Structure formats: structure tokens, C-alpha cells
Amino acid sequence: MSRPARRRHIFKRLNTHYRLVFIDDTSLQEVASFKLTMRKLYILFSSIFVFVIVVTVAILLLTPLKYYIPGYAGGSDRREVIQLKRTVDSLTDLAAAQEAFENNLKDVIAGETKMKLDTTRLDMKRVNQEAMNNLVPMNDEIKKGALQPVKK
């Protein structure tokens, strides 16, 4: 079959009339009868499909059911989630800092310091001499002070 012939066959089949009859089994009486074509059935089912989708979307968007859709949240809810996330992050950082402090304190108390120790010793004579020099003025300073006239 060529293409145009195939097309004509499809359109002819869409326009062929069929009769749908409902018969009662007990009395064999005709209850309902419909004269349909394939095109009418296609239009009917397409319309029903579109109607069901429109009703479903309307129910979801116009009722509180929309809050159960993942990712749908109002502006205030989103701001609240962001604020709570920041709070959790800062509390996590604080807990980590406190844990590090406790571990360092335990190490210091146990004498297990991980830092390099200061091994240079102080010369106590030199330290005491420097302290005394800071308390008592040097001889040169005394001479300079004596030579200057006293200001009244």
C-alpha cells in the first residue's frame, strides 16, 4: 500500500460508524444504544483525560493539599528553614570548638602536650639584675639630674 492509500484507509476507518448496544441479559431488552465512530471515541477519551488532569491540578493548587507537594513551600517557610539551617551550622561549629577545648584541657592535665616545649633556662642572676636596674636609676642619670637646676 502506498502512503496516500494508507492515509485514506486510516481516515476511512476513523469515520466508519459503529453501534454500541447495551442489552439486559434477563429480559433481552435493549437498555441503551449509541452510534459511534472511532473519531468520536478518540475525542471523548481525550476530553475525559484532559478534564481529569485539569480537575487534579485545580484540587492540588486551590486546596491545602499543595503543602504536601515536595519542594512547594511558602516564602516564610523557606526563610525559616534557612534560618534553622544557619542555627544548626553555628551550633555544630560551637560543639566542635568545645570538644577541641575539652580534649586540649584533658591533654594538658594529663601532661600529654603535643606542642614543642620551651627548654631554655632563665639565668636568675641576670633577671634579678635587670629588675634592680629598672628600680634604681643609673649613675649617669643621677649625675644629669643633679646638674640641672631645680625648677621652681
N, C-alpha and C. Protein backbone atom coordinates (compact mmCIF):
# COMPACT_ATOMS: atom_id res chain seq x y z
N MET A 1 0.83 -1.18 0.00
CA MET A 1 0.00 0.00 0.00
C MET A 1 0.87 1.24 0.00
N SER A 2 0.53 2.18 -0.85
CA SER A 2 1.29 3.42 -0.88
C SER A 2 0.84 4.33 0.25
N ARG A 3 1.56 5.37 0.42
CA ARG A 3 1.27 6.28 1.52
C ARG A 3 -0.10 6.94 1.42
N PRO A 4 -0.46 7.51 0.30
CA PRO A 4 -1.79 8.12 0.23
C PRO A 4 -2.91 7.10 0.43
N ALA A 5 -2.71 5.89 -0.05
CA ALA A 5 -3.74 4.86 0.13
C ALA A 5 -3.84 4.48 1.60
N ARG A 6 -2.73 4.39 2.27
CA ARG A 6 -2.73 4.07 3.69
C ARG A 6 -3.43 5.17 4.48
N ARG A 7 -3.19 6.41 4.09
CA ARG A 7 -3.83 7.54 4.77
C ARG A 7 -5.35 7.50 4.59
N ARG A 8 -5.76 7.22 3.34
CA ARG A 8 -7.19 7.13 3.08
C ARG A 8 -7.82 6.02 3.89
N HIS A 9 -7.10 4.92 4.04
CA HIS A 9 -7.62 3.78 4.80
C HIS A 9 -7.80 4.17 6.28
N ILE A 10 -6.82 4.90 6.82
CA ILE A 10 -6.91 5.33 8.23
C ILE A 10 -8.09 6.29 8.41
N PHE A 11 -8.24 7.28 7.53
CA PHE A 11 -9.34 8.23 7.66
C PHE A 11 -10.69 7.54 7.45
N LYS A 12 -10.74 6.56 6.55
CA LYS A 12 -11.99 5.82 6.32
C LYS A 12 -12.37 5.03 7.57
N ARG A 13 -11.36 4.45 8.19
CA ARG A 13 -11.61 3.67 9.41
C ARG A 13 -12.05 4.59 10.55
N LEU A 14 -11.49 5.80 10.64
CA LEU A 14 -11.90 6.74 11.68
C LEU A 14 -13.35 7.18 11.50
N ASN A 15 -13.83 7.22 10.27
CA ASN A 15 -15.20 7.69 10.01
C ASN A 15 -16.21 6.56 9.88
N THR A 16 -15.78 5.31 10.02
CA THR A 16 -16.72 4.19 9.93
C THR A 16 -17.62 4.21 11.15
N HIS A 17 -18.92 4.01 10.92
CA HIS A 17 -19.90 4.05 12.01
C HIS A 17 -20.01 2.69 12.67
N TYR A 18 -20.04 2.71 14.00
CA TYR A 18 -20.23 1.50 14.80
C TYR A 18 -21.40 1.76 15.74
N ARG A 19 -22.06 0.68 16.15
CA ARG A 19 -23.18 0.80 17.08
C ARG A 19 -22.81 0.06 18.36
N LEU A 20 -22.94 0.75 19.48
CA LEU A 20 -22.70 0.18 20.79
C LEU A 20 -24.06 -0.01 21.44
N VAL A 21 -24.39 -1.27 21.75
CA VAL A 21 -25.72 -1.59 22.28
C VAL A 21 -25.54 -2.28 23.63
N PHE A 22 -26.31 -1.81 24.62
CA PHE A 22 -26.35 -2.45 25.93
C PHE A 22 -27.67 -3.19 26.04
N ILE A 23 -27.57 -4.52 26.34
CA ILE A 23 -28.77 -5.37 26.41
C ILE A 23 -28.82 -6.00 27.79
N ASP A 24 -30.05 -6.00 28.38
CA ASP A 24 -30.28 -6.63 29.67
C ASP A 24 -30.30 -8.15 29.45
N ASP A 25 -29.47 -8.93 30.19
CA ASP A 25 -29.38 -10.37 29.98
C ASP A 25 -30.65 -11.11 30.40
N THR A 26 -31.34 -10.65 31.39
CA THR A 26 -32.51 -11.40 31.87
C THR A 26 -33.70 -11.25 30.93
N SER A 27 -33.96 -10.06 30.44
CA SER A 27 -35.14 -9.85 29.59
C SER A 27 -34.79 -9.67 28.12
N LEU A 28 -33.50 -9.60 27.79
CA LEU A 28 -33.01 -9.37 26.43
C LEU A 28 -33.57 -8.10 25.82
N GLN A 29 -33.84 -7.11 26.64
CA GLN A 29 -34.31 -5.83 26.14
C GLN A 29 -33.12 -4.89 25.96
N GLU A 30 -33.23 -4.05 24.98
CA GLU A 30 -32.19 -3.07 24.69
C GLU A 30 -32.29 -1.95 25.73
N VAL A 31 -31.19 -1.73 26.47
CA VAL A 31 -31.18 -0.71 27.51
C VAL A 31 -30.71 0.62 26.93
N ALA A 32 -29.63 0.59 26.16
CA ALA A 32 -29.10 1.82 25.57
C ALA A 32 -28.40 1.46 24.27
N SER A 33 -28.40 2.42 23.37
CA SER A 33 -27.75 2.21 22.09
C SER A 33 -27.07 3.51 21.68
N PHE A 34 -25.80 3.38 21.23
CA PHE A 34 -25.03 4.55 20.82
C PHE A 34 -24.46 4.29 19.44
N LYS A 35 -24.53 5.31 18.60
CA LYS A 35 -23.93 5.23 17.28
C LYS A 35 -22.63 6.04 17.34
N LEU A 36 -21.49 5.35 17.20
CA LEU A 36 -20.19 5.98 17.40
C LEU A 36 -19.29 5.76 16.19
N THR A 37 -18.27 6.64 16.11
CA THR A 37 -17.17 6.43 15.17
C THR A 37 -15.89 6.43 15.98
N MET A 38 -14.82 5.95 15.39
CA MET A 38 -13.54 5.94 16.10
C MET A 38 -13.10 7.36 16.43
N ARG A 39 -13.39 8.31 15.57
CA ARG A 39 -13.02 9.68 15.82
C ARG A 39 -13.76 10.22 17.04
N LYS A 40 -15.04 9.91 17.16
CA LYS A 40 -15.81 10.36 18.33
C LYS A 40 -15.27 9.73 19.60
N LEU A 41 -14.88 8.45 19.55
CA LEU A 41 -14.31 7.79 20.73
C LEU A 41 -12.98 8.44 21.13
N TYR A 42 -12.15 8.74 20.12
CA TYR A 42 -10.88 9.39 20.39
C TYR A 42 -11.10 10.76 21.04
N ILE A 43 -12.04 11.53 20.53
CA ILE A 43 -12.35 12.85 21.10
C ILE A 43 -12.90 12.71 22.51
N LEU A 44 -13.78 11.72 22.72
CA LEU A 44 -14.37 11.51 24.04
C LEU A 44 -13.30 11.16 25.07
N PHE A 45 -12.44 10.18 24.77
CA PHE A 45 -11.41 9.77 25.72
C PHE A 45 -10.37 10.87 25.93
N SER A 46 -10.03 11.62 24.90
CA SER A 46 -9.09 12.73 25.06
C SER A 46 -9.69 13.81 25.95
N SER A 47 -10.96 14.11 25.77
CA SER A 47 -11.63 15.12 26.59
C SER A 47 -11.69 14.68 28.05
N ILE A 48 -12.02 13.41 28.29
CA ILE A 48 -12.07 12.90 29.66
C ILE A 48 -10.68 12.99 30.31
N PHE A 49 -9.64 12.63 29.56
CA PHE A 49 -8.27 12.69 30.06
C PHE A 49 -7.89 14.12 30.45
N VAL A 50 -8.17 15.08 29.58
CA VAL A 50 -7.85 16.48 29.86
C VAL A 50 -8.66 16.98 31.05
N PHE A 51 -9.93 16.61 31.13
CA PHE A 51 -10.78 17.03 32.24
C PHE A 51 -10.23 16.50 33.57
N VAL A 52 -9.83 15.23 33.61
CA VAL A 52 -9.30 14.65 34.84
C VAL A 52 -8.01 15.38 35.25
N ILE A 53 -7.15 15.69 34.30
CA ILE A 53 -5.91 16.40 34.64
C ILE A 53 -6.21 17.81 35.15
N VAL A 54 -7.13 18.52 34.52
CA VAL A 54 -7.46 19.88 34.96
C VAL A 54 -8.05 19.85 36.37
N VAL A 55 -8.93 18.90 36.65
CA VAL A 55 -9.53 18.80 37.99
C VAL A 55 -8.46 18.47 39.03
N THR A 56 -7.55 17.56 38.70
CA THR A 56 -6.49 17.18 39.64
C THR A 56 -5.59 18.38 39.95
N VAL A 57 -5.19 19.11 38.94
CA VAL A 57 -4.33 20.28 39.15
C VAL A 57 -5.08 21.35 39.96
N ALA A 58 -6.34 21.54 39.66
CA ALA A 58 -7.13 22.53 40.41
C ALA A 58 -7.24 22.14 41.87
N ILE A 59 -7.47 20.87 42.14
CA ILE A 59 -7.57 20.42 43.53
C ILE A 59 -6.25 20.63 44.25
N LEU A 60 -5.15 20.31 43.59
CA LEU A 60 -3.85 20.46 44.24
C LEU A 60 -3.46 21.91 44.47
N LEU A 61 -3.79 22.79 43.54
CA LEU A 61 -3.36 24.18 43.67
C LEU A 61 -4.30 25.04 44.50
N LEU A 62 -5.56 24.69 44.56
CA LEU A 62 -6.54 25.54 45.24
C LEU A 62 -6.92 25.05 46.63
N THR A 63 -6.31 23.98 47.09
CA THR A 63 -6.61 23.46 48.43
C THR A 63 -5.31 23.36 49.21
N PRO A 64 -5.39 23.10 50.50
CA PRO A 64 -4.17 22.96 51.31
C PRO A 64 -3.33 21.72 50.96
N LEU A 65 -3.80 20.91 50.04
CA LEU A 65 -3.01 19.75 49.62
C LEU A 65 -1.70 20.15 48.97
N LYS A 66 -1.63 21.39 48.48
CA LYS A 66 -0.41 21.84 47.81
C LYS A 66 0.79 21.85 48.75
N TYR A 67 0.56 21.95 50.06
CA TYR A 67 1.67 21.97 51.00
C TYR A 67 2.31 20.59 51.17
N TYR A 68 1.65 19.54 50.70
CA TYR A 68 2.21 18.20 50.77
C TYR A 68 3.05 17.85 49.55
N ILE A 69 3.09 18.74 48.57
CA ILE A 69 3.90 18.52 47.38
C ILE A 69 5.35 18.81 47.75
N PRO A 70 6.27 17.87 47.48
CA PRO A 70 7.69 18.13 47.82
C PRO A 70 8.21 19.34 47.05
N GLY A 71 8.92 20.21 47.75
CA GLY A 71 9.51 21.39 47.13
C GLY A 71 8.60 22.59 47.10
N TYR A 72 7.32 22.42 47.43
CA TYR A 72 6.41 23.57 47.45
C TYR A 72 6.36 24.09 48.87
N ALA A 73 6.80 25.31 49.06
CA ALA A 73 6.74 25.93 50.38
C ALA A 73 6.55 27.42 50.18
N GLY A 74 5.88 28.04 51.12
CA GLY A 74 5.70 29.47 51.06
C GLY A 74 7.01 30.19 51.35
N GLY A 75 7.03 31.50 51.15
CA GLY A 75 8.24 32.28 51.37
C GLY A 75 8.70 32.26 52.82
N SER A 76 7.75 32.33 53.75
CA SER A 76 8.12 32.35 55.17
C SER A 76 8.69 31.00 55.60
N ASP A 77 8.14 29.92 55.07
CA ASP A 77 8.65 28.60 55.41
C ASP A 77 10.09 28.45 54.92
N ARG A 78 10.36 28.94 53.73
CA ARG A 78 11.72 28.84 53.17
C ARG A 78 12.70 29.65 54.01
N ARG A 79 12.29 30.87 54.41
CA ARG A 79 13.16 31.70 55.25
C ARG A 79 13.42 31.02 56.60
N GLU A 80 12.38 30.41 57.15
CA GLU A 80 12.53 29.74 58.43
C GLU A 80 13.48 28.54 58.32
N VAL A 81 13.39 27.80 57.23
CA VAL A 81 14.29 26.66 57.02
C VAL A 81 15.72 27.14 56.90
N ILE A 82 15.95 28.23 56.18
CA ILE A 82 17.30 28.77 56.02
C ILE A 82 17.85 29.23 57.36
N GLN A 83 17.02 29.91 58.15
CA GLN A 83 17.45 30.37 59.48
C GLN A 83 17.79 29.19 60.38
N LEU A 84 16.96 28.15 60.35
CA LEU A 84 17.23 26.97 61.17
C LEU A 84 18.51 26.27 60.73
N LYS A 85 18.76 26.24 59.44
CA LYS A 85 19.99 25.62 58.93
C LYS A 85 21.21 26.40 59.42
N ARG A 86 21.13 27.73 59.39
CA ARG A 86 22.24 28.55 59.91
C ARG A 86 22.47 28.29 61.40
N THR A 87 21.38 28.20 62.16
CA THR A 87 21.48 27.95 63.59
C THR A 87 22.14 26.61 63.86
N VAL A 88 21.73 25.59 63.11
CA VAL A 88 22.31 24.26 63.28
C VAL A 88 23.79 24.28 62.93
N ASP A 89 24.15 24.99 61.86
CA ASP A 89 25.56 25.08 61.48
C ASP A 89 26.39 25.76 62.56
N SER A 90 25.88 26.85 63.12
CA SER A 90 26.64 27.56 64.15
C SER A 90 26.74 26.71 65.42
N LEU A 91 25.67 25.98 65.76
CA LEU A 91 25.73 25.11 66.94
C LEU A 91 26.70 23.96 66.72
N THR A 92 26.77 23.45 65.50
CA THR A 92 27.72 22.39 65.18
C THR A 92 29.15 22.90 65.34
N ASP A 93 29.41 24.12 64.85
CA ASP A 93 30.75 24.71 64.99
C ASP A 93 31.09 24.93 66.47
N LEU A 94 30.11 25.40 67.24
CA LEU A 94 30.33 25.64 68.66
C LEU A 94 30.62 24.33 69.39
N ALA A 95 29.89 23.28 69.08
CA ALA A 95 30.12 21.98 69.71
C ALA A 95 31.50 21.44 69.36
N ALA A 96 31.93 21.62 68.11
CA ALA A 96 33.26 21.16 67.70
C ALA A 96 34.34 21.94 68.44
N ALA A 97 34.15 23.26 68.60
CA ALA A 97 35.14 24.07 69.31
C ALA A 97 35.21 23.67 70.79
N GLN A 98 34.06 23.41 71.41
CA GLN A 98 34.06 22.99 72.81
C GLN A 98 34.71 21.62 72.98
N GLU A 99 34.48 20.74 72.04
CA GLU A 99 35.10 19.41 72.11
C GLU A 99 36.62 19.51 71.98
N ALA A 100 37.09 20.37 71.06
CA ALA A 100 38.53 20.57 70.91
C ALA A 100 39.14 21.16 72.18
N PHE A 101 38.43 22.13 72.80
CA PHE A 101 38.90 22.73 74.05
C PHE A 101 39.00 21.67 75.14
N GLU A 102 37.97 20.83 75.27
CA GLU A 102 37.98 19.78 76.29
C GLU A 102 39.13 18.80 76.07
N ASN A 103 39.36 18.42 74.82
CA ASN A 103 40.45 17.48 74.53
C ASN A 103 41.80 18.10 74.86
N ASN A 104 41.99 19.38 74.52
CA ASN A 104 43.25 20.06 74.85
C ASN A 104 43.43 20.18 76.35
N LEU A 105 42.35 20.49 77.05
CA LEU A 105 42.43 20.61 78.51
C LEU A 105 42.77 19.27 79.15
N LYS A 106 42.18 18.19 78.68
CA LYS A 106 42.50 16.85 79.20
C LYS A 106 43.96 16.51 78.94
N ASP A 107 44.46 16.87 77.76
CA ASP A 107 45.86 16.59 77.44
C ASP A 107 46.79 17.38 78.35
N VAL A 108 46.47 18.64 78.62
CA VAL A 108 47.31 19.46 79.49
C VAL A 108 47.31 18.91 80.91
N ILE A 109 46.13 18.52 81.39
CA ILE A 109 46.04 17.97 82.75
C ILE A 109 46.80 16.65 82.85
N ALA A 110 46.72 15.82 81.81
CA ALA A 110 47.40 14.53 81.83
C ALA A 110 48.89 14.68 81.52
N GLY A 111 49.33 15.85 81.08
CA GLY A 111 50.73 16.07 80.78
C GLY A 111 51.12 15.57 79.40
N GLU A 112 50.17 15.38 78.56
CA GLU A 112 50.43 14.88 77.20
C GLU A 112 50.30 16.02 76.20
N THR A 113 51.14 17.02 76.37
CA THR A 113 51.07 18.14 75.45
C THR A 113 51.72 17.77 74.13
N LYS A 114 51.15 18.21 73.05
CA LYS A 114 51.63 17.88 71.73
C LYS A 114 52.50 18.97 71.15
N MET A 115 52.67 20.06 71.88
CA MET A 115 53.47 21.17 71.37
C MET A 115 54.92 21.04 71.81
N LYS A 116 55.78 21.76 71.13
CA LYS A 116 57.20 21.75 71.46
C LYS A 116 57.41 22.51 72.76
N LEU A 117 58.15 21.89 73.68
CA LEU A 117 58.38 22.51 74.98
C LEU A 117 59.48 23.56 74.89
N ASP A 118 59.38 24.59 75.74
CA ASP A 118 60.40 25.63 75.82
C ASP A 118 61.49 25.11 76.75
N THR A 119 62.68 24.82 76.20
CA THR A 119 63.74 24.21 77.00
C THR A 119 64.83 25.18 77.42
N THR A 120 64.72 26.44 77.08
CA THR A 120 65.75 27.40 77.50
C THR A 120 65.51 27.77 78.96
N ARG A 121 66.63 27.82 79.68
CA ARG A 121 66.54 28.15 81.11
C ARG A 121 66.82 29.64 81.31
N LEU A 122 66.16 30.17 82.30
CA LEU A 122 66.41 31.56 82.63
C LEU A 122 67.61 31.66 83.57
N ASP A 123 68.42 32.68 83.34
CA ASP A 123 69.52 32.98 84.25
C ASP A 123 68.97 33.93 85.31
N MET A 124 68.76 33.40 86.52
CA MET A 124 68.08 34.16 87.56
C MET A 124 68.89 35.38 88.02
N LYS A 125 70.23 35.28 88.00
CA LYS A 125 71.06 36.44 88.38
C LYS A 125 70.82 37.59 87.42
N ARG A 126 70.77 37.26 86.16
CA ARG A 126 70.57 38.29 85.13
C ARG A 126 69.17 38.91 85.24
N VAL A 127 68.17 38.07 85.50
CA VAL A 127 66.80 38.57 85.64
C VAL A 127 66.71 39.50 86.83
N ASN A 128 67.31 39.12 87.95
CA ASN A 128 67.27 39.95 89.16
C ASN A 128 68.02 41.27 88.95
N GLN A 129 69.16 41.21 88.26
CA GLN A 129 69.94 42.41 87.98
C GLN A 129 69.14 43.39 87.12
N GLU A 130 68.45 42.87 86.10
CA GLU A 130 67.65 43.74 85.22
C GLU A 130 66.49 44.36 86.00
N ALA A 131 65.93 43.61 86.92
CA ALA A 131 64.85 44.15 87.73
C ALA A 131 65.35 45.26 88.63
N MET A 132 66.52 45.07 89.21
CA MET A 132 67.08 46.09 90.07
C MET A 132 67.46 47.34 89.27
N ASN A 133 67.97 47.14 88.06
CA ASN A 133 68.34 48.28 87.23
C ASN A 133 67.11 49.12 86.87
N ASN A 134 66.00 48.49 86.73
CA ASN A 134 64.79 49.23 86.40
C ASN A 134 64.27 50.01 87.61
N LEU A 135 64.56 49.53 88.81
CA LEU A 135 64.08 50.21 90.01
C LEU A 135 64.97 51.40 90.39
N VAL A 136 66.29 51.18 90.35
CA VAL A 136 67.24 52.22 90.78
C VAL A 136 67.82 52.88 89.53
N PRO A 137 67.80 54.20 89.45
CA PRO A 137 68.36 54.86 88.27
C PRO A 137 69.86 54.65 88.18
N MET A 138 70.37 54.69 86.99
CA MET A 138 71.80 54.51 86.74
C MET A 138 72.56 55.75 87.23
N ASN A 139 73.87 55.60 87.40
CA ASN A 139 74.72 56.70 87.88
C ASN A 139 74.69 57.89 86.93
N ASP A 140 74.69 57.62 85.63
CA ASP A 140 74.68 58.71 84.65
C ASP A 140 73.40 59.53 84.77
N GLU A 141 72.31 58.86 85.00
CA GLU A 141 71.04 59.57 85.11
C GLU A 141 71.01 60.43 86.38
N ILE A 142 71.63 59.94 87.42
CA ILE A 142 71.67 60.70 88.68
C ILE A 142 72.51 61.97 88.46
N LYS A 143 73.66 61.85 87.80
CA LYS A 143 74.52 63.00 87.55
C LYS A 143 73.80 64.04 86.71
N LYS A 144 73.09 63.61 85.67
CA LYS A 144 72.37 64.54 84.80
C LYS A 144 71.31 65.27 85.58
N GLY A 145 70.63 64.54 86.43
CA GLY A 145 69.58 65.15 87.24
C GLY A 145 70.13 66.16 88.23
N ALA A 146 71.32 65.92 88.77
CA ALA A 146 71.92 66.82 89.77
C ALA A 146 72.43 68.08 89.10
N LEU A 147 72.92 67.99 87.87
CA LEU A 147 73.47 69.13 87.19
C LEU A 147 72.39 70.11 86.73
N GLN A 148 71.24 69.62 86.47
CA GLN A 148 70.16 70.51 86.02
C GLN A 148 69.65 71.33 87.20
N PRO A 149 69.44 72.59 86.95
CA PRO A 149 68.92 73.42 88.05
C PRO A 149 67.50 73.00 88.40
N VAL A 150 67.19 73.18 89.61
CA VAL A 150 65.85 72.82 90.08
C VAL A 150 64.90 73.90 89.62
N LYS A 151 63.85 73.43 89.02
CA LYS A 151 62.84 74.38 88.53
C LYS A 151 61.82 74.61 89.62
N LYS A 152 61.50 75.87 89.76
CA LYS A 152 60.52 76.22 90.79
C LYS A 152 59.21 76.48 90.19
